[in-house]
């Protein structure tokens, strides 16, 4: 299994903007067959050093993660997030 984690810091850090972006990410659930699980969370501390949104996804294999990366729906979400995020960081590891 592969775990994929992405943290997003938004350009507009208002609660409504953050919730809208989180909902775009949540919309991936059940729509990409290689996506075993998806969890999207919103930061509760809201400190200056905090990221605003966390996405955690799991895949059965590295090949499934790679298929997810190029899936058209994921590409649409990337395009949206690139417009609304200030910064993102990611990590992928075996579990």
PDB file of N, CA and C in Angstrom:
ATOM      1  N   UNK A   1       0.847  -1.189   0.000  1.00  0.00           N
ATOM      2  CA  UNK A   1       0.000   0.000   0.000  1.00  0.00           C
ATOM      3  C   UNK A   1       0.886   1.244   0.000  1.00  0.00           C
ATOM      4  N   UNK A   2       0.384   2.274  -0.637  1.00  0.00           N
ATOM      5  CA  UNK A   2       1.075   3.562  -0.694  1.00  0.00           C
ATOM      6  C   UNK A   2       0.171   4.624  -0.074  1.00  0.00           C
ATOM      7  N   UNK A   3       0.738   5.415   0.809  1.00  0.00           N
ATOM      8  CA  UNK A   3       0.017   6.559   1.381  1.00  0.00           C
ATOM      9  C   UNK A   3       0.564   7.823   0.730  1.00  0.00           C
ATOM     10  N   UNK A   4      -0.351   8.681   0.296  1.00  0.00           N
ATOM     11  CA  UNK A   4      -0.051   9.942  -0.395  1.00  0.00           C
ATOM     12  C   UNK A   4      -0.631  11.064   0.464  1.00  0.00           C
ATOM     13  N   UNK A   5       0.225  11.974   0.928  1.00  0.00           N
ATOM     14  CA  UNK A   5      -0.220  13.084   1.774  1.00  0.00           C
ATOM     15  C   UNK A   5       0.182  14.397   1.123  1.00  0.00           C
ATOM     16  N   UNK A   6      -0.765  15.315   1.029  1.00  0.00           N
ATOM     17  CA  UNK A   6      -0.496  16.647   0.489  1.00  0.00           C
ATOM     18  C   UNK A   6      -1.054  17.667   1.474  1.00  0.00           C
ATOM     19  N   UNK A   7      -0.261  18.691   1.768  1.00  0.00           N
ATOM     20  CA  UNK A   7      -0.695  19.809   2.603  1.00  0.00           C
ATOM     21  C   UNK A   7      -0.787  21.052   1.729  1.00  0.00           C
ATOM     22  N   UNK A   8      -1.852  21.813   1.911  1.00  0.00           N
ATOM     23  CA  UNK A   8      -2.084  23.017   1.116  1.00  0.00           C
ATOM     24  C   UNK A   8      -2.189  24.238   2.022  1.00  0.00           C
ATOM     25  N   UNK A   9      -1.495  25.300   1.649  1.00  0.00           N
ATOM     26  CA  UNK A   9      -1.683  26.616   2.264  1.00  0.00           C
ATOM     27  C   UNK A   9      -2.368  27.466   1.195  1.00  0.00           C
ATOM     28  N   UNK A  10      -3.504  28.029   1.552  1.00  0.00           N
ATOM     29  CA  UNK A  10      -4.325  28.725   0.576  1.00  0.00           C
ATOM     30  C   UNK A  10      -3.949  30.206   0.442  1.00  0.00           C
ATOM     31  N   UNK A  11      -4.197  30.761  -0.740  1.00  0.00           N
ATOM     32  CA  UNK A  11      -4.001  32.199  -0.943  1.00  0.00           C
ATOM     33  C   UNK A  11      -5.013  32.978  -0.105  1.00  0.00           C
ATOM     34  N   UNK A  12      -6.281  32.591  -0.213  1.00  0.00           N
ATOM     35  CA  UNK A  12      -7.355  33.188   0.582  1.00  0.00           C
ATOM     36  C   UNK A  12      -7.607  32.236   1.746  1.00  0.00           C
ATOM     37  N   UNK A  13      -7.252  32.663   2.947  1.00  0.00           N
ATOM     38  CA  UNK A  13      -7.336  31.780   4.111  1.00  0.00           C
ATOM     39  C   UNK A  13      -8.640  31.957   4.889  1.00  0.00           C
ATOM     40  N   UNK A  14      -9.646  32.536   4.243  1.00  0.00           N
ATOM     41  CA  UNK A  14     -10.947  32.672   4.903  1.00  0.00           C
ATOM     42  C   UNK A  14     -11.600  31.290   5.008  1.00  0.00           C
ATOM     43  N   UNK A  15     -12.411  31.085   6.045  1.00  0.00           N
ATOM     44  CA  UNK A  15     -13.045  29.773   6.227  1.00  0.00           C
ATOM     45  C   UNK A  15     -13.844  29.301   5.009  1.00  0.00           C
ATOM     46  N   UNK A  16     -14.559  30.196   4.371  1.00  0.00           N
ATOM     47  CA  UNK A  16     -15.359  29.812   3.206  1.00  0.00           C
ATOM     48  C   UNK A  16     -14.517  29.337   2.042  1.00  0.00           C
ATOM     49  N   UNK A  17     -13.420  30.022   1.795  1.00  0.00           N
ATOM     50  CA  UNK A  17     -12.521  29.640   0.707  1.00  0.00           C
ATOM     51  C   UNK A  17     -11.854  28.297   0.985  1.00  0.00           C
ATOM     52  N   UNK A  18     -11.438  28.105   2.220  1.00  0.00           N
ATOM     53  CA  UNK A  18     -10.797  26.845   2.603  1.00  0.00           C
ATOM     54  C   UNK A  18     -11.796  25.696   2.488  1.00  0.00           C
ATOM     55  N   UNK A  19     -13.006  25.895   2.951  1.00  0.00           N
ATOM     56  CA  UNK A  19     -14.034  24.847   2.870  1.00  0.00           C
ATOM     57  C   UNK A  19     -14.354  24.509   1.416  1.00  0.00           C
ATOM     58  N   UNK A  20     -14.414  25.525   0.555  1.00  0.00           N
ATOM     59  CA  UNK A  20     -14.695  25.281  -0.862  1.00  0.00           C
ATOM     60  C   UNK A  20     -13.605  24.416  -1.493  1.00  0.00           C
ATOM     61  N   UNK A  21     -12.350  24.721  -1.203  1.00  0.00           N
ATOM     62  CA  UNK A  21     -11.243  23.933  -1.749  1.00  0.00           C
ATOM     63  C   UNK A  21     -11.262  22.513  -1.186  1.00  0.00           C
ATOM     64  N   UNK A  22     -11.539  22.373   0.097  1.00  0.00           N
ATOM     65  CA  UNK A  22     -11.618  21.040   0.707  1.00  0.00           C
ATOM     66  C   UNK A  22     -12.719  20.214   0.047  1.00  0.00           C
ATOM     67  N   UNK A  23     -13.828  20.833  -0.283  1.00  0.00           N
ATOM     68  CA  UNK A  23     -14.921  20.117  -0.943  1.00  0.00           C
ATOM     69  C   UNK A  23     -14.540  19.666  -2.346  1.00  0.00           C
ATOM     70  N   UNK A  24     -13.756  20.466  -3.053  1.00  0.00           N
ATOM     71  CA  UNK A  24     -13.250  20.046  -4.366  1.00  0.00           C
ATOM     72  C   UNK A  24     -12.408  18.783  -4.210  1.00  0.00           C
ATOM     73  N   UNK A  25     -11.554  18.762  -3.196  1.00  0.00           N
ATOM     74  CA  UNK A  25     -10.720  17.583  -2.949  1.00  0.00           C
ATOM     75  C   UNK A  25     -11.578  16.383  -2.535  1.00  0.00           C
ATOM     76  N   UNK A  26     -12.530  16.591  -1.659  1.00  0.00           N
ATOM     77  CA  UNK A  26     -13.407  15.497  -1.205  1.00  0.00           C
ATOM     78  C   UNK A  26     -14.194  14.885  -2.359  1.00  0.00           C
ATOM     79  N   UNK A  27     -14.463  15.687  -3.370  1.00  0.00           N
ATOM     80  CA  UNK A  27     -15.234  15.234  -4.522  1.00  0.00           C
ATOM     81  C   UNK A  27     -14.524  14.124  -5.305  1.00  0.00           C
ATOM     82  N   UNK A  28     -13.236  13.918  -5.060  1.00  0.00           N
ATOM     83  CA  UNK A  28     -12.508  12.830  -5.724  1.00  0.00           C
ATOM     84  C   UNK A  28     -12.960  11.457  -5.213  1.00  0.00           C
ATOM     85  N   UNK A  29     -13.465  11.399  -3.977  1.00  0.00           N
ATOM     86  CA  UNK A  29     -13.852  10.130  -3.358  1.00  0.00           C
ATOM     87  C   UNK A  29     -14.881   9.397  -4.215  1.00  0.00           C
ATOM     88  N   UNK A  30     -14.587   8.134  -4.506  1.00  0.00           N
ATOM     89  CA  UNK A  30     -15.516   7.299  -5.256  1.00  0.00           C
ATOM     90  C   UNK A  30     -15.536   7.526  -6.749  1.00  0.00           C
ATOM     91  N   UNK A  31     -14.709   8.425  -7.253  1.00  0.00           N
ATOM     92  CA  UNK A  31     -14.733   8.753  -8.677  1.00  0.00           C
ATOM     93  C   UNK A  31     -13.500   8.280  -9.435  1.00  0.00           C
ATOM     94  N   UNK A  32     -12.480   7.836  -8.713  1.00  0.00           N
ATOM     95  CA  UNK A  32     -11.263   7.315  -9.343  1.00  0.00           C
ATOM     96  C   UNK A  32     -11.053   5.919  -8.765  1.00  0.00           C
ATOM     97  N   UNK A  33     -11.150   4.901  -9.627  1.00  0.00           N
ATOM     98  CA  UNK A  33     -11.204   3.523  -9.127  1.00  0.00           C
ATOM     99  C   UNK A  33      -9.962   3.066  -8.375  1.00  0.00           C
ATOM    100  N   UNK A  34      -8.792   3.635  -8.648  1.00  0.00           N
ATOM    101  CA  UNK A  34      -7.564   3.206  -7.954  1.00  0.00           C
ATOM    102  C   UNK A  34      -7.419   3.839  -6.569  1.00  0.00           C
ATOM    103  N   UNK A  35      -8.282   4.756  -6.233  1.00  0.00           N
ATOM    104  CA  UNK A  35      -8.237   5.452  -4.947  1.00  0.00           C
ATOM    105  C   UNK A  35      -8.909   4.584  -3.878  1.00  0.00           C
ATOM    106  N   UNK A  36      -8.100   3.961  -3.022  1.00  0.00           N
ATOM    107  CA  UNK A  36      -8.621   3.057  -1.990  1.00  0.00           C
ATOM    108  C   UNK A  36      -9.325   3.842  -0.892  1.00  0.00           C
ATOM    109  N   UNK A  37      -8.705   4.915  -0.421  1.00  0.00           N
ATOM    110  CA  UNK A  37      -9.327   5.755   0.604  1.00  0.00           C
ATOM    111  C   UNK A  37      -8.856   7.189   0.439  1.00  0.00           C
ATOM    112  N   UNK A  38      -9.682   8.098   0.925  1.00  0.00           N
ATOM    113  CA  UNK A  38      -9.375   9.526   0.839  1.00  0.00           C
ATOM    114  C   UNK A  38      -9.896  10.201   2.099  1.00  0.00           C
ATOM    115  N   UNK A  39      -9.047  11.024   2.699  1.00  0.00           N
ATOM    116  CA  UNK A  39      -9.446  11.828   3.856  1.00  0.00           C
ATOM    117  C   UNK A  39      -8.945  13.245   3.622  1.00  0.00           C
ATOM    118  N   UNK A  40      -9.831  14.203   3.806  1.00  0.00           N
ATOM    119  CA  UNK A  40      -9.478  15.616   3.663  1.00  0.00           C
ATOM    120  C   UNK A  40      -9.827  16.299   4.974  1.00  0.00           C
ATOM    121  N   UNK A  41      -8.856  17.009   5.548  1.00  0.00           N
ATOM    122  CA  UNK A  41      -9.076  17.701   6.805  1.00  0.00           C
ATOM    123  C   UNK A  41      -8.700  19.161   6.718  1.00  0.00           C
ATOM    124  N   UNK A  42      -9.363  19.967   7.537  1.00  0.00           N
ATOM    125  CA  UNK A  42      -9.096  21.405   7.615  1.00  0.00           C
ATOM    126  C   UNK A  42      -8.437  21.693   8.955  1.00  0.00           C
ATOM    127  N   UNK A  43      -7.352  22.449   8.918  1.00  0.00           N
ATOM    128  CA  UNK A  43      -6.595  22.797  10.122  1.00  0.00           C
ATOM    129  C   UNK A  43      -7.479  23.530  11.128  1.00  0.00           C
ATOM    130  N   UNK A  44      -7.354  23.149  12.391  1.00  0.00           N
ATOM    131  CA  UNK A  44      -8.165  23.783  13.437  1.00  0.00           C
ATOM    132  C   UNK A  44      -7.412  24.873  14.202  1.00  0.00           C
ATOM    133  N   UNK A  45      -6.081  24.867  14.157  1.00  0.00           N
ATOM    134  CA  UNK A  45      -5.312  25.873  14.903  1.00  0.00           C
ATOM    135  C   UNK A  45      -5.246  27.220  14.195  1.00  0.00           C
ATOM    136  N   UNK A  46      -5.162  27.177  12.863  1.00  0.00           N
ATOM    137  CA  UNK A  46      -5.115  28.391  12.036  1.00  0.00           C
ATOM    138  C   UNK A  46      -3.967  29.320  12.421  1.00  0.00           C
ATOM    139  N   UNK A  47      -2.818  28.761  12.766  1.00  0.00           N
ATOM    140  CA  UNK A  47      -1.645  29.581  13.070  1.00  0.00           C
ATOM    141  C   UNK A  47      -0.962  29.981  11.763  1.00  0.00           C
ATOM    142  N   UNK A  48      -0.083  30.962  11.834  1.00  0.00           N
ATOM    143  CA  UNK A  48       0.614  31.426  10.637  1.00  0.00           C
ATOM    144  C   UNK A  48       1.440  30.324   9.987  1.00  0.00           C
ATOM    145  N   UNK A  49       1.996  29.427  10.796  1.00  0.00           N
ATOM    146  CA  UNK A  49       2.844  28.378  10.237  1.00  0.00           C
ATOM    147  C   UNK A  49       2.065  27.160   9.760  1.00  0.00           C
ATOM    148  N   UNK A  50       0.777  27.107  10.071  1.00  0.00           N
ATOM    149  CA  UNK A  50      -0.050  25.959   9.696  1.00  0.00           C
ATOM    150  C   UNK A  50      -0.389  25.964   8.214  1.00  0.00           C
ATOM    151  N   UNK A  51      -0.511  24.765   7.679  1.00  0.00           N
ATOM    152  CA  UNK A  51      -1.136  24.605   6.375  1.00  0.00           C
ATOM    153  C   UNK A  51      -2.636  24.515   6.621  1.00  0.00           C
ATOM    154  N   UNK A  52      -3.431  24.831   5.612  1.00  0.00           N
ATOM    155  CA  UNK A  52      -4.875  24.948   5.795  1.00  0.00           C
ATOM    156  C   UNK A  52      -5.638  23.643   5.572  1.00  0.00           C
ATOM    157  N   UNK A  53      -5.172  22.838   4.622  1.00  0.00           N
ATOM    158  CA  UNK A  53      -5.888  21.620   4.238  1.00  0.00           C
ATOM    159  C   UNK A  53      -4.896  20.473   4.130  1.00  0.00           C
ATOM    160  N   UNK A  54      -5.329  19.318   4.583  1.00  0.00           N
ATOM    161  CA  UNK A  54      -4.551  18.089   4.442  1.00  0.00           C
ATOM    162  C   UNK A  54      -5.355  17.088   3.620  1.00  0.00           C
ATOM    163  N   UNK A  55      -4.701  16.467   2.645  1.00  0.00           N
ATOM    164  CA  UNK A  55      -5.294  15.377   1.886  1.00  0.00           C
ATOM    165  C   UNK A  55      -4.457  14.133   2.139  1.00  0.00           C
ATOM    166  N   UNK A  56      -5.103  13.051   2.549  1.00  0.00           N
ATOM    167  CA  UNK A  56      -4.432  11.773   2.736  1.00  0.00           C
ATOM    168  C   UNK A  56      -5.171  10.740   1.903  1.00  0.00           C
ATOM    169  N   UNK A  57      -4.444  10.090   0.999  1.00  0.00           N
ATOM    170  CA  UNK A  57      -5.040   9.078   0.127  1.00  0.00           C
ATOM    171  C   UNK A  57      -4.208   7.808   0.196  1.00  0.00           C
ATOM    172  N   UNK A  58      -4.869   6.681  -0.029  1.00  0.00           N
ATOM    173  CA  UNK A  58      -4.164   5.403  -0.047  1.00  0.00           C
ATOM    174  C   UNK A  58      -4.441   4.679  -1.352  1.00  0.00           C
ATOM    175  N   UNK A  59      -3.392   3.987  -1.819  1.00  0.00           N
ATOM    176  CA  UNK A  59      -3.433   3.247  -3.074  1.00  0.00           C
ATOM    177  C   UNK A  59      -2.854   1.863  -2.852  1.00  0.00           C
ATOM    178  N   UNK A  60      -3.329   0.885  -3.603  1.00  0.00           N
ATOM    179  CA  UNK A  60      -2.862  -0.488  -3.445  1.00  0.00           C
ATOM    180  C   UNK A  60      -1.414  -0.657  -3.890  1.00  0.00           C
ATOM    181  N   UNK A  61      -0.964   0.190  -4.821  1.00  0.00           N
ATOM    182  CA  UNK A  61       0.389   0.035  -5.366  1.00  0.00           C
ATOM    183  C   UNK A  61       0.909   1.373  -5.878  1.00  0.00           C
ATOM    184  N   UNK A  62       2.197   1.415  -6.134  1.00  0.00           N
ATOM    185  CA  UNK A  62       2.808   2.603  -6.730  1.00  0.00           C
ATOM    186  C   UNK A  62       2.228   2.852  -8.119  1.00  0.00           C
ATOM    187  N   UNK A  63       1.944   1.790  -8.846  1.00  0.00           N
ATOM    188  CA  UNK A  63       1.349   1.933 -10.179  1.00  0.00           C
ATOM    189  C   UNK A  63      -0.030   2.586 -10.095  1.00  0.00           C
ATOM    190  N   UNK A  64      -0.799   2.244  -9.065  1.00  0.00           N
ATOM    191  CA  UNK A  64      -2.109   2.879  -8.890  1.00  0.00           C
ATOM    192  C   UNK A  64      -1.966   4.361  -8.558  1.00  0.00           C
ATOM    193  N   UNK A  65      -0.985   4.717  -7.743  1.00  0.00           N
ATOM    194  CA  UNK A  65      -0.724   6.131  -7.455  1.00  0.00           C
ATOM    195  C   UNK A  65      -0.361   6.868  -8.740  1.00  0.00           C
ATOM    196  N   UNK A  66       0.462   6.247  -9.564  1.00  0.00           N
ATOM    197  CA  UNK A  66       0.856   6.874 -10.826  1.00  0.00           C
ATOM    198  C   UNK A  66      -0.340   7.027 -11.766  1.00  0.00           C
ATOM    199  N   UNK A  67      -1.246   6.046 -11.775  1.00  0.00           N
ATOM    200  CA  UNK A  67      -2.460   6.151 -12.589  1.00  0.00           C
ATOM    201  C   UNK A  67      -3.350   7.286 -12.083  1.00  0.00           C
ATOM    202  N   UNK A  68      -3.446   7.439 -10.778  1.00  0.00           N
ATOM    203  CA  UNK A  68      -4.203   8.533 -10.160  1.00  0.00           C
ATOM    204  C   UNK A  68      -3.630   9.885 -10.573  1.00  0.00           C
ATOM    205  N   UNK A  69      -2.314   9.988 -10.578  1.00  0.00           N
ATOM    206  CA  UNK A  69      -1.664  11.266 -10.893  1.00  0.00           C
ATOM    207  C   UNK A  69      -2.066  11.788 -12.270  1.00  0.00           C
ATOM    208  N   UNK A  70      -2.290  10.894 -13.230  1.00  0.00           N
ATOM    209  CA  UNK A  70      -2.607  11.323 -14.600  1.00  0.00           C
ATOM    210  C   UNK A  70      -4.094  11.222 -14.931  1.00  0.00           C
ATOM    211  N   UNK A  71      -4.912  10.780 -13.986  1.00  0.00           N
ATOM    212  CA  UNK A  71      -6.350  10.654 -14.219  1.00  0.00           C
ATOM    213  C   UNK A  71      -6.940  12.035 -14.543  1.00  0.00           C
ATOM    214  N   UNK A  72      -7.815  12.132 -15.547  1.00  0.00           N
ATOM    215  CA  UNK A  72      -8.371  13.436 -15.948  1.00  0.00           C
ATOM    216  C   UNK A  72      -9.049  14.207 -14.811  1.00  0.00           C
ATOM    217  N   UNK A  73      -9.780  13.537 -13.937  1.00  0.00           N
ATOM    218  CA  UNK A  73     -10.428  14.238 -12.824  1.00  0.00           C
ATOM    219  C   UNK A  73      -9.389  14.806 -11.860  1.00  0.00           C
ATOM    220  N   UNK A  74      -8.352  14.036 -11.575  1.00  0.00           N
ATOM    221  CA  UNK A  74      -7.272  14.534 -10.713  1.00  0.00           C
ATOM    222  C   UNK A  74      -6.584  15.724 -11.368  1.00  0.00           C
ATOM    223  N   UNK A  75      -6.388  15.675 -12.672  1.00  0.00           N
ATOM    224  CA  UNK A  75      -5.761  16.791 -13.380  1.00  0.00           C
ATOM    225  C   UNK A  75      -6.607  18.061 -13.278  1.00  0.00           C
ATOM    226  N   UNK A  76      -7.939  17.920 -13.329  1.00  0.00           N
ATOM    227  CA  UNK A  76      -8.828  19.080 -13.146  1.00  0.00           C
ATOM    228  C   UNK A  76      -8.669  19.671 -11.747  1.00  0.00           C
ATOM    229  N   UNK A  77      -8.578  18.800 -10.743  1.00  0.00           N
ATOM    230  CA  UNK A  77      -8.415  19.258  -9.364  1.00  0.00           C
ATOM    231  C   UNK A  77      -7.067  19.954  -9.197  1.00  0.00           C
ATOM    232  N   UNK A  78      -6.013  19.410  -9.793  1.00  0.00           N
ATOM    233  CA  UNK A  78      -4.693  20.054  -9.741  1.00  0.00           C
ATOM    234  C   UNK A  78      -4.769  21.457 -10.325  1.00  0.00           C
ATOM    235  N   UNK A  79      -5.429  21.592 -11.464  1.00  0.00           N
ATOM    236  CA  UNK A  79      -5.550  22.913 -12.103  1.00  0.00           C
ATOM    237  C   UNK A  79      -6.237  23.899 -11.156  1.00  0.00           C
ATOM    238  N   UNK A  80      -7.335  23.475 -10.533  1.00  0.00           N
ATOM    239  CA  UNK A  80      -8.049  24.333  -9.589  1.00  0.00           C
ATOM    240  C   UNK A  80      -7.163  24.687  -8.395  1.00  0.00           C
ATOM    241  N   UNK A  81      -6.546  23.672  -7.791  1.00  0.00           N
ATOM    242  CA  UNK A  81      -5.733  23.912  -6.598  1.00  0.00           C
ATOM    243  C   UNK A  81      -4.533  24.808  -6.909  1.00  0.00           C
ATOM    244  N   UNK A  82      -3.955  24.684  -8.092  1.00  0.00           N
ATOM    245  CA  UNK A  82      -2.838  25.554  -8.469  1.00  0.00           C
ATOM    246  C   UNK A  82      -3.249  27.021  -8.515  1.00  0.00           C
ATOM    247  N   UNK A  83      -4.524  27.272  -8.789  1.00  0.00           N
ATOM    248  CA  UNK A  83      -5.026  28.647  -8.833  1.00  0.00           C
ATOM    249  C   UNK A  83      -5.291  29.209  -7.440  1.00  0.00           C
ATOM    250  N   UNK A  84      -5.697  28.361  -6.496  1.00  0.00           N
ATOM    251  CA  UNK A  84      -6.140  28.865  -5.192  1.00  0.00           C
ATOM    252  C   UNK A  84      -5.133  28.645  -4.063  1.00  0.00           C
ATOM    253  N   UNK A  85      -4.120  27.854  -4.302  1.00  0.00           N
ATOM    254  CA  UNK A  85      -3.148  27.581  -3.244  1.00  0.00           C
ATOM    255  C   UNK A  85      -1.955  28.515  -3.349  1.00  0.00           C
ATOM    256  N   UNK A  86      -1.402  28.835  -2.198  1.00  0.00           N
ATOM    257  CA  UNK A  86      -0.155  29.593  -2.138  1.00  0.00           C
ATOM    258  C   UNK A  86       1.033  28.639  -2.178  1.00  0.00           C
ATOM    259  N   UNK A  87       0.879  27.508  -1.505  1.00  0.00           N
ATOM    260  CA  UNK A  87       1.983  26.557  -1.365  1.00  0.00           C
ATOM    261  C   UNK A  87       1.407  25.171  -1.108  1.00  0.00           C
ATOM    262  N   UNK A  88       2.150  24.158  -1.535  1.00  0.00           N
ATOM    263  CA  UNK A  88       1.789  22.790  -1.161  1.00  0.00           C
ATOM    264  C   UNK A  88       3.057  21.966  -0.989  1.00  0.00           C
ATOM    265  N   UNK A  89       2.958  20.942  -0.162  1.00  0.00           N
ATOM    266  CA  UNK A  89       4.041  19.977   0.025  1.00  0.00           C
ATOM    267  C   UNK A  89       3.397  18.596   0.021  1.00  0.00           C
ATOM    268  N   UNK A  90       4.176  17.600  -0.403  1.00  0.00           N
ATOM    269  CA  UNK A  90       3.633  16.249  -0.490  1.00  0.00           C
ATOM    270  C   UNK A  90       4.674  15.231  -0.066  1.00  0.00           C
ATOM    271  N   UNK A  91       4.169  14.072   0.353  1.00  0.00           N
ATOM    272  CA  UNK A  91       5.024  12.927   0.648  1.00  0.00           C
ATOM    273  C   UNK A  91       4.242  11.670   0.273  1.00  0.00           C
ATOM    274  N   UNK A  92       4.958  10.680  -0.247  1.00  0.00           N
ATOM    275  CA  UNK A  92       4.380   9.391  -0.608  1.00  0.00           C
ATOM    276  C   UNK A  92       5.260   8.312  -0.004  1.00  0.00           C
ATOM    277  N   UNK A  93       4.645   7.335   0.686  1.00  0.00           N
ATOM    278  CA  UNK A  93       5.451   6.293   1.315  1.00  0.00           C
ATOM    279  C   UNK A  93       4.669   4.988   1.393  1.00  0.00           C
ATOM    280  N   UNK A  94       5.413   3.895   1.554  1.00  0.00           N
ATOM    281  CA  UNK A  94       4.802   2.574   1.685  1.00  0.00           C
ATOM    282  C   UNK A  94       4.294   2.362   3.103  1.00  0.00           C
ATOM    283  N   UNK A  95       3.139   1.702   3.201  1.00  0.00           N
ATOM    284  CA  UNK A  95       2.594   1.347   4.517  1.00  0.00           C
ATOM    285  C   UNK A  95       2.371  -0.156   4.582  1.00  0.00           C
TER     286      UNK A  95
END
